[in-house]
Amino acid sequence: MSVMEFQIEKNSPVPAIKQIQEQIKLSIAMGVLKRGDILPSIREVEKQTGVNRGQIHRAYLAMHRSGLLSPAP
C-alpha cells in the first residue's frame, strides 16, 4: 500500500483541484500508485495542504468519474 503526500503550490495559477488531479495521474503513470492502493482521506489531504475539504472532494470525485479512481468503503 502506498502513502501519497500532495504538494500544493499556493501561488500557482493552476487551481488546487487540478494540482491534486495531476499529482494522482502522475503517480499512477509512474507506478507509485497501483491498483488497490488507498489515497489519503479528504481530512488527511486537508491537513497536509490546507486546501478546503470541498475542493479535495471535487478533485477525488472528478478522478472517480474519469475512471482513474474507485471508491473504497
C-alpha atoms as a PDB file:
ATOM      1  CA  MET A   1       0.000   0.000   0.000  1.00  0.00           C
ATOM      2  CA  SER A   2       1.347   3.409  -0.982  1.00  0.00           C
ATOM      3  CA  VAL A   3       1.136   6.543   1.121  1.00  0.00           C
ATOM      4  CA  MET A   4       0.735   9.623  -1.015  1.00  0.00           C
ATOM      5  CA  GLU A   5       1.523  13.168   0.012  1.00  0.00           C
ATOM      6  CA  PHE A   6       0.232  16.077  -2.002  1.00  0.00           C
ATOM      7  CA  GLN A   7       2.332  19.179  -2.617  1.00  0.00           C
ATOM      8  CA  ILE A   8       0.177  22.192  -3.443  1.00  0.00           C
ATOM      9  CA  GLU A   9       1.749  25.368  -4.761  1.00  0.00           C
ATOM     10  CA  LYS A  10      -0.400  28.114  -3.255  1.00  0.00           C
ATOM     11  CA  ASN A  11       0.843  30.815  -5.637  1.00  0.00           C
ATOM     12  CA  SER A  12       0.390  28.699  -8.758  1.00  0.00           C
ATOM     13  CA  PRO A  13      -2.105  29.823 -11.404  1.00  0.00           C
ATOM     14  CA  VAL A  14      -3.185  26.150 -11.537  1.00  0.00           C
ATOM     15  CA  PRO A  15      -6.142  25.585  -9.174  1.00  0.00           C
ATOM     16  CA  ALA A  16      -5.570  23.254  -6.196  1.00  0.00           C
ATOM     17  CA  ILE A  17      -8.151  20.781  -7.587  1.00  0.00           C
ATOM     18  CA  LYS A  18      -6.176  20.479 -10.819  1.00  0.00           C
ATOM     19  CA  GLN A  19      -2.884  20.146  -8.921  1.00  0.00           C
ATOM     20  CA  ILE A  20      -4.303  17.246  -6.888  1.00  0.00           C
ATOM     21  CA  GLN A  21      -5.652  15.540 -10.015  1.00  0.00           C
ATOM     22  CA  GLU A  22      -2.345  15.933 -11.871  1.00  0.00           C
ATOM     23  CA  GLN A  23      -0.380  14.518  -8.936  1.00  0.00           C
ATOM     24  CA  ILE A  24      -2.666  11.468  -8.804  1.00  0.00           C
ATOM     25  CA  LYS A  25      -2.352  10.947 -12.578  1.00  0.00           C
ATOM     26  CA  LEU A  26       1.427  11.275 -12.424  1.00  0.00           C
ATOM     27  CA  SER A  27       1.650   8.838  -9.502  1.00  0.00           C
ATOM     28  CA  ILE A  28      -0.398   6.290 -11.443  1.00  0.00           C
ATOM     29  CA  ALA A  29       1.676   6.781 -14.613  1.00  0.00           C
ATOM     30  CA  MET A  30       4.948   6.391 -12.692  1.00  0.00           C
ATOM     31  CA  GLY A  31       3.719   3.274 -10.891  1.00  0.00           C
ATOM     32  CA  VAL A  32       3.834   4.927  -7.475  1.00  0.00           C
ATOM     33  CA  LEU A  33       0.099   4.273  -7.105  1.00  0.00           C
ATOM     34  CA  LYS A  34      -1.070   0.820  -8.059  1.00  0.00           C
ATOM     35  CA  ARG A  35      -4.448  -0.870  -8.254  1.00  0.00           C
ATOM     36  CA  GLY A  36      -5.714  -1.384  -4.711  1.00  0.00           C
ATOM     37  CA  ASP A  37      -3.689   1.435  -3.155  1.00  0.00           C
ATOM     38  CA  ILE A  38      -5.698   3.772  -0.991  1.00  0.00           C
ATOM     39  CA  LEU A  39      -5.418   7.534  -1.298  1.00  0.00           C
ATOM     40  CA  PRO A  40      -5.265   9.646   1.857  1.00  0.00           C
ATOM     41  CA  SER A  41      -8.637  10.642   3.269  1.00  0.00           C
ATOM     42  CA  ILE A  42     -10.033  14.046   2.431  1.00  0.00           C
ATOM     43  CA  ARG A  43      -9.315  15.153   6.008  1.00  0.00           C
ATOM     44  CA  GLU A  44      -5.701  13.989   5.756  1.00  0.00           C
ATOM     45  CA  VAL A  45      -5.208  15.900   2.500  1.00  0.00           C
ATOM     46  CA  GLU A  46      -6.800  18.970   4.067  1.00  0.00           C
ATOM     47  CA  LYS A  47      -4.296  18.773   6.961  1.00  0.00           C
ATOM     48  CA  GLN A  48      -1.365  18.217   4.565  1.00  0.00           C
ATOM     49  CA  THR A  49      -2.188  21.015   2.163  1.00  0.00           C
ATOM     50  CA  GLY A  50      -4.559  23.477   3.810  1.00  0.00           C
ATOM     51  CA  VAL A  51      -6.860  23.058   0.804  1.00  0.00           C
ATOM     52  CA  ASN A  52     -10.596  23.252   1.501  1.00  0.00           C
ATOM     53  CA  ARG A  53     -12.246  19.857   2.026  1.00  0.00           C
ATOM     54  CA  GLY A  54     -14.857  20.582  -0.657  1.00  0.00           C
ATOM     55  CA  GLN A  55     -12.180  21.172  -3.273  1.00  0.00           C
ATOM     56  CA  ILE A  56     -10.430  17.928  -2.380  1.00  0.00           C
ATOM     57  CA  HIS A  57     -13.730  16.064  -2.585  1.00  0.00           C
ATOM     58  CA  ARG A  58     -14.387  17.555  -6.034  1.00  0.00           C
ATOM     59  CA  ALA A  59     -10.899  16.522  -7.197  1.00  0.00           C
ATOM     60  CA  TYR A  60     -11.406  12.929  -5.982  1.00  0.00           C
ATOM     61  CA  LEU A  61     -14.916  12.818  -7.470  1.00  0.00           C
ATOM     62  CA  ALA A  62     -13.690  14.021 -10.867  1.00  0.00           C
ATOM     63  CA  MET A  63     -10.975  11.342 -10.829  1.00  0.00           C
ATOM     64  CA  HIS A  64     -13.604   8.721  -9.984  1.00  0.00           C
ATOM     65  CA  ARG A  65     -15.853   9.891 -12.826  1.00  0.00           C
ATOM     66  CA  SER A  66     -12.918   9.698 -15.239  1.00  0.00           C
ATOM     67  CA  GLY A  67     -12.406   6.056 -14.235  1.00  0.00           C
ATOM     68  CA  LEU A  68      -8.988   6.521 -12.637  1.00  0.00           C
ATOM     69  CA  LEU A  69     -10.191   6.013  -9.061  1.00  0.00           C
ATOM     70  CA  SER A  70     -12.611   3.612  -7.448  1.00  0.00           C
ATOM     71  CA  PRO A  71     -14.365   4.490  -4.206  1.00  0.00           C
ATOM     72  CA  ALA A  72     -13.419   2.494  -1.129  1.00  0.00           C
ATOM     73  CA  PRO A  73     -15.880   1.709   1.623  1.00  0.00           C
END
